[in-house]
Amino acid sequence: MEECIITVKVIPKSSKNSAQLENGVLRIHLNAPPVDGKANKALVELLAEIVHVPKSSIEIVRGEKGRNKQIKIKGLNEGIFMKRLEQYTNK
């Protein structure tokens, strides 16, 4: 099964949920606060929406309690991920 690992920087308590690629790092703004796993849950939900995969296909592999995280997405390769991210950011 295909999978890709991406690096994200999470900015919690933002005014709205959004994602943008800056210098090879995916910056994700979440309106959820970083308490009780709410930001991590919102991150998984937003990524699932962006790349059109089930939430169960997304796993935080590193950085669960920090802003910098590594995310594994099962079911798609990096090329497909980048294409879907581009479609999302160009809406």
N, C-alpha and C. Protein backbone atom coordinates (compact mmCIF):
# COMPACT_ATOMS: atom_id res chain seq x y z
N MET A 1 0.84 -1.19 0.00
CA MET A 1 0.00 0.00 0.00
C MET A 1 0.88 1.25 0.00
N GLU A 2 0.46 2.22 -0.78
CA GLU A 2 1.21 3.47 -0.84
C GLU A 2 1.01 4.27 0.44
N GLU A 3 2.03 5.06 0.76
CA GLU A 3 1.91 6.01 1.87
C GLU A 3 2.93 7.10 1.67
N CYS A 4 2.67 8.24 2.28
CA CYS A 4 3.65 9.32 2.24
C CYS A 4 3.76 9.91 3.64
N ILE A 5 4.92 10.46 3.92
CA ILE A 5 5.15 11.12 5.21
C ILE A 5 5.43 12.58 4.92
N ILE A 6 4.67 13.45 5.58
CA ILE A 6 4.83 14.88 5.36
C ILE A 6 5.18 15.56 6.68
N THR A 7 5.85 16.69 6.57
CA THR A 7 6.18 17.50 7.74
C THR A 7 5.23 18.68 7.76
N VAL A 8 4.62 18.92 8.91
CA VAL A 8 3.71 20.06 9.03
C VAL A 8 4.08 20.90 10.24
N LYS A 9 3.78 22.17 10.15
CA LYS A 9 3.90 23.08 11.29
C LYS A 9 2.48 23.55 11.58
N VAL A 10 2.03 23.30 12.78
CA VAL A 10 0.66 23.63 13.17
C VAL A 10 0.64 24.95 13.92
N ILE A 11 -0.29 25.82 13.53
CA ILE A 11 -0.50 27.08 14.23
C ILE A 11 -1.93 27.02 14.80
N PRO A 12 -2.06 26.67 16.09
CA PRO A 12 -3.40 26.55 16.68
C PRO A 12 -4.00 27.91 17.02
N LYS A 13 -5.26 27.90 17.35
CA LYS A 13 -6.02 29.10 17.75
C LYS A 13 -5.97 30.18 16.69
N SER A 14 -6.02 29.80 15.41
CA SER A 14 -6.07 30.76 14.32
C SER A 14 -7.53 31.15 14.08
N SER A 15 -7.73 32.16 13.23
CA SER A 15 -9.10 32.61 12.98
C SER A 15 -9.88 31.60 12.14
N LYS A 16 -9.18 30.83 11.29
CA LYS A 16 -9.87 29.82 10.48
C LYS A 16 -8.91 28.69 10.15
N ASN A 17 -9.45 27.57 9.71
CA ASN A 17 -8.63 26.44 9.29
C ASN A 17 -8.15 26.69 7.86
N SER A 18 -6.84 26.53 7.65
CA SER A 18 -6.30 26.68 6.30
C SER A 18 -4.95 25.97 6.23
N ALA A 19 -4.47 25.79 5.00
CA ALA A 19 -3.18 25.13 4.78
C ALA A 19 -2.46 25.83 3.65
N GLN A 20 -1.14 25.96 3.79
CA GLN A 20 -0.34 26.54 2.72
C GLN A 20 1.07 25.96 2.80
N LEU A 21 1.69 25.84 1.65
CA LEU A 21 3.04 25.30 1.56
C LEU A 21 4.02 26.47 1.50
N GLU A 22 4.97 26.49 2.43
CA GLU A 22 5.99 27.54 2.48
C GLU A 22 7.36 26.90 2.63
N ASN A 23 8.23 27.09 1.65
CA ASN A 23 9.60 26.57 1.70
C ASN A 23 9.64 25.07 2.01
N GLY A 24 8.76 24.31 1.40
CA GLY A 24 8.76 22.87 1.59
C GLY A 24 8.10 22.38 2.87
N VAL A 25 7.59 23.30 3.69
CA VAL A 25 6.92 22.91 4.93
C VAL A 25 5.45 23.30 4.82
N LEU A 26 4.60 22.36 5.14
CA LEU A 26 3.17 22.62 5.11
C LEU A 26 2.76 23.29 6.42
N ARG A 27 2.29 24.54 6.33
CA ARG A 27 1.82 25.28 7.50
C ARG A 27 0.31 25.13 7.57
N ILE A 28 -0.17 24.64 8.70
CA ILE A 28 -1.60 24.42 8.88
C ILE A 28 -2.10 25.30 10.02
N HIS A 29 -3.02 26.17 9.69
CA HIS A 29 -3.65 27.04 10.69
C HIS A 29 -4.94 26.36 11.13
N LEU A 30 -5.11 26.21 12.44
CA LEU A 30 -6.30 25.56 12.99
C LEU A 30 -6.98 26.49 13.98
N ASN A 31 -8.31 26.52 13.97
CA ASN A 31 -8.99 27.35 14.96
C ASN A 31 -9.16 26.62 16.29
N ALA A 32 -8.76 25.36 16.35
CA ALA A 32 -8.85 24.57 17.59
C ALA A 32 -7.70 24.93 18.53
N PRO A 33 -7.95 24.91 19.83
CA PRO A 33 -6.88 25.16 20.80
C PRO A 33 -6.02 23.90 21.01
N PRO A 34 -4.77 24.08 21.44
CA PRO A 34 -3.89 22.92 21.62
C PRO A 34 -4.06 22.26 22.99
N VAL A 35 -5.29 21.96 23.36
CA VAL A 35 -5.55 21.30 24.64
C VAL A 35 -6.38 20.04 24.41
N ASP A 36 -6.13 19.03 25.21
CA ASP A 36 -6.89 17.77 25.17
C ASP A 36 -6.92 17.14 23.77
N GLY A 37 -5.88 17.35 22.97
CA GLY A 37 -5.82 16.74 21.65
C GLY A 37 -6.75 17.35 20.61
N LYS A 38 -7.37 18.49 20.93
CA LYS A 38 -8.32 19.11 20.00
C LYS A 38 -7.65 19.57 18.71
N ALA A 39 -6.46 20.15 18.82
CA ALA A 39 -5.75 20.61 17.62
C ALA A 39 -5.34 19.41 16.76
N ASN A 40 -4.88 18.33 17.38
CA ASN A 40 -4.50 17.14 16.61
C ASN A 40 -5.71 16.55 15.89
N LYS A 41 -6.85 16.52 16.56
CA LYS A 41 -8.07 16.00 15.93
C LYS A 41 -8.48 16.88 14.76
N ALA A 42 -8.41 18.20 14.94
CA ALA A 42 -8.74 19.13 13.86
C ALA A 42 -7.76 19.00 12.70
N LEU A 43 -6.49 18.76 13.01
CA LEU A 43 -5.47 18.57 11.98
C LEU A 43 -5.80 17.36 11.12
N VAL A 44 -6.11 16.24 11.75
CA VAL A 44 -6.45 15.01 11.02
C VAL A 44 -7.69 15.24 10.16
N GLU A 45 -8.70 15.92 10.70
CA GLU A 45 -9.92 16.17 9.95
C GLU A 45 -9.65 17.05 8.73
N LEU A 46 -8.84 18.10 8.91
CA LEU A 46 -8.54 19.00 7.80
C LEU A 46 -7.73 18.29 6.72
N LEU A 47 -6.70 17.54 7.13
CA LEU A 47 -5.90 16.81 6.14
C LEU A 47 -6.75 15.79 5.37
N ALA A 48 -7.64 15.10 6.07
CA ALA A 48 -8.52 14.13 5.40
C ALA A 48 -9.39 14.83 4.36
N GLU A 49 -9.87 16.01 4.69
CA GLU A 49 -10.69 16.79 3.76
C GLU A 49 -9.86 17.25 2.56
N ILE A 50 -8.64 17.70 2.81
CA ILE A 50 -7.78 18.22 1.74
C ILE A 50 -7.41 17.14 0.74
N VAL A 51 -6.99 15.97 1.24
CA VAL A 51 -6.46 14.94 0.34
C VAL A 51 -7.46 13.82 0.02
N HIS A 52 -8.69 13.95 0.51
CA HIS A 52 -9.77 13.02 0.17
C HIS A 52 -9.45 11.58 0.57
N VAL A 53 -9.05 11.40 1.82
CA VAL A 53 -8.83 10.06 2.37
C VAL A 53 -9.59 9.98 3.70
N PRO A 54 -9.90 8.77 4.17
CA PRO A 54 -10.56 8.65 5.47
C PRO A 54 -9.63 9.11 6.60
N LYS A 55 -10.21 9.62 7.67
CA LYS A 55 -9.40 10.07 8.82
C LYS A 55 -8.55 8.93 9.38
N SER A 56 -9.03 7.71 9.25
CA SER A 56 -8.27 6.56 9.77
C SER A 56 -6.98 6.30 8.99
N SER A 57 -6.84 6.92 7.81
CA SER A 57 -5.62 6.75 7.00
C SER A 57 -4.53 7.74 7.39
N ILE A 58 -4.83 8.62 8.34
CA ILE A 58 -3.87 9.66 8.73
C ILE A 58 -3.40 9.39 10.15
N GLU A 59 -2.07 9.41 10.33
CA GLU A 59 -1.49 9.11 11.64
C GLU A 59 -0.39 10.13 11.94
N ILE A 60 -0.40 10.67 13.15
CA ILE A 60 0.68 11.55 13.60
C ILE A 60 1.80 10.65 14.10
N VAL A 61 2.93 10.65 13.37
CA VAL A 61 4.02 9.75 13.74
C VAL A 61 5.00 10.40 14.71
N ARG A 62 5.15 11.69 14.62
CA ARG A 62 6.10 12.39 15.50
C ARG A 62 5.56 13.78 15.80
N GLY A 63 5.76 14.23 17.03
CA GLY A 63 5.40 15.59 17.41
C GLY A 63 3.98 15.77 17.89
N GLU A 64 3.43 14.73 18.49
CA GLU A 64 2.03 14.79 18.93
C GLU A 64 1.75 15.98 19.86
N LYS A 65 2.74 16.35 20.68
CA LYS A 65 2.53 17.44 21.64
C LYS A 65 3.18 18.75 21.21
N GLY A 66 3.83 18.77 20.05
CA GLY A 66 4.50 19.99 19.59
C GLY A 66 3.84 20.58 18.36
N ARG A 67 4.36 21.70 17.91
CA ARG A 67 3.83 22.34 16.71
C ARG A 67 4.35 21.69 15.43
N ASN A 68 5.59 21.19 15.47
CA ASN A 68 6.17 20.53 14.31
C ASN A 68 5.86 19.05 14.38
N LYS A 69 5.23 18.53 13.32
CA LYS A 69 4.76 17.15 13.33
C LYS A 69 5.14 16.45 12.04
N GLN A 70 5.24 15.14 12.12
CA GLN A 70 5.36 14.30 10.94
C GLN A 70 4.08 13.48 10.85
N ILE A 71 3.49 13.50 9.69
CA ILE A 71 2.21 12.85 9.47
C ILE A 71 2.38 11.77 8.40
N LYS A 72 1.85 10.59 8.68
CA LYS A 72 1.85 9.52 7.68
C LYS A 72 0.44 9.42 7.12
N ILE A 73 0.35 9.43 5.79
CA ILE A 73 -0.94 9.29 5.12
C ILE A 73 -0.90 8.03 4.28
N LYS A 74 -1.75 7.08 4.61
CA LYS A 74 -1.81 5.81 3.89
C LYS A 74 -2.77 5.94 2.71
N GLY A 75 -2.41 5.29 1.61
CA GLY A 75 -3.32 5.24 0.47
C GLY A 75 -2.99 6.20 -0.65
N LEU A 76 -1.96 7.02 -0.50
CA LEU A 76 -1.54 7.88 -1.60
C LEU A 76 -0.07 8.19 -1.50
N ASN A 77 0.54 8.47 -2.66
CA ASN A 77 1.96 8.80 -2.64
C ASN A 77 2.16 10.32 -2.58
N GLU A 78 3.40 10.75 -2.49
CA GLU A 78 3.68 12.17 -2.32
C GLU A 78 3.21 13.00 -3.51
N GLY A 79 3.33 12.45 -4.70
CA GLY A 79 2.88 13.18 -5.90
C GLY A 79 1.40 13.48 -5.86
N ILE A 80 0.60 12.49 -5.50
CA ILE A 80 -0.86 12.68 -5.41
C ILE A 80 -1.18 13.65 -4.28
N PHE A 81 -0.46 13.53 -3.16
CA PHE A 81 -0.67 14.45 -2.04
C PHE A 81 -0.45 15.89 -2.49
N MET A 82 0.68 16.13 -3.18
CA MET A 82 1.01 17.49 -3.61
C MET A 82 -0.04 18.03 -4.60
N LYS A 83 -0.52 17.17 -5.49
CA LYS A 83 -1.54 17.58 -6.46
C LYS A 83 -2.83 17.98 -5.75
N ARG A 84 -3.25 17.18 -4.77
CA ARG A 84 -4.49 17.49 -4.05
C ARG A 84 -4.32 18.72 -3.16
N LEU A 85 -3.13 18.89 -2.58
CA LEU A 85 -2.87 20.09 -1.78
C LEU A 85 -2.93 21.33 -2.67
N GLU A 86 -2.37 21.23 -3.85
CA GLU A 86 -2.39 22.36 -4.79
C GLU A 86 -3.83 22.71 -5.17
N GLN A 87 -4.65 21.69 -5.42
CA GLN A 87 -6.06 21.94 -5.75
C GLN A 87 -6.77 22.64 -4.59
N TYR A 88 -6.47 22.24 -3.37
CA TYR A 88 -7.09 22.84 -2.18
C TYR A 88 -6.65 24.31 -2.03
N THR A 89 -5.35 24.57 -2.17
CA THR A 89 -4.86 25.93 -1.94
C THR A 89 -5.22 26.88 -3.06
N ASN A 90 -5.58 26.36 -4.23
CA ASN A 90 -5.95 27.22 -5.37
C ASN A 90 -7.45 27.40 -5.52
N LYS A 91 -8.22 26.99 -4.52
CA LYS A 91 -9.68 27.15 -4.58
C LYS A 91 -10.04 28.60 -4.58
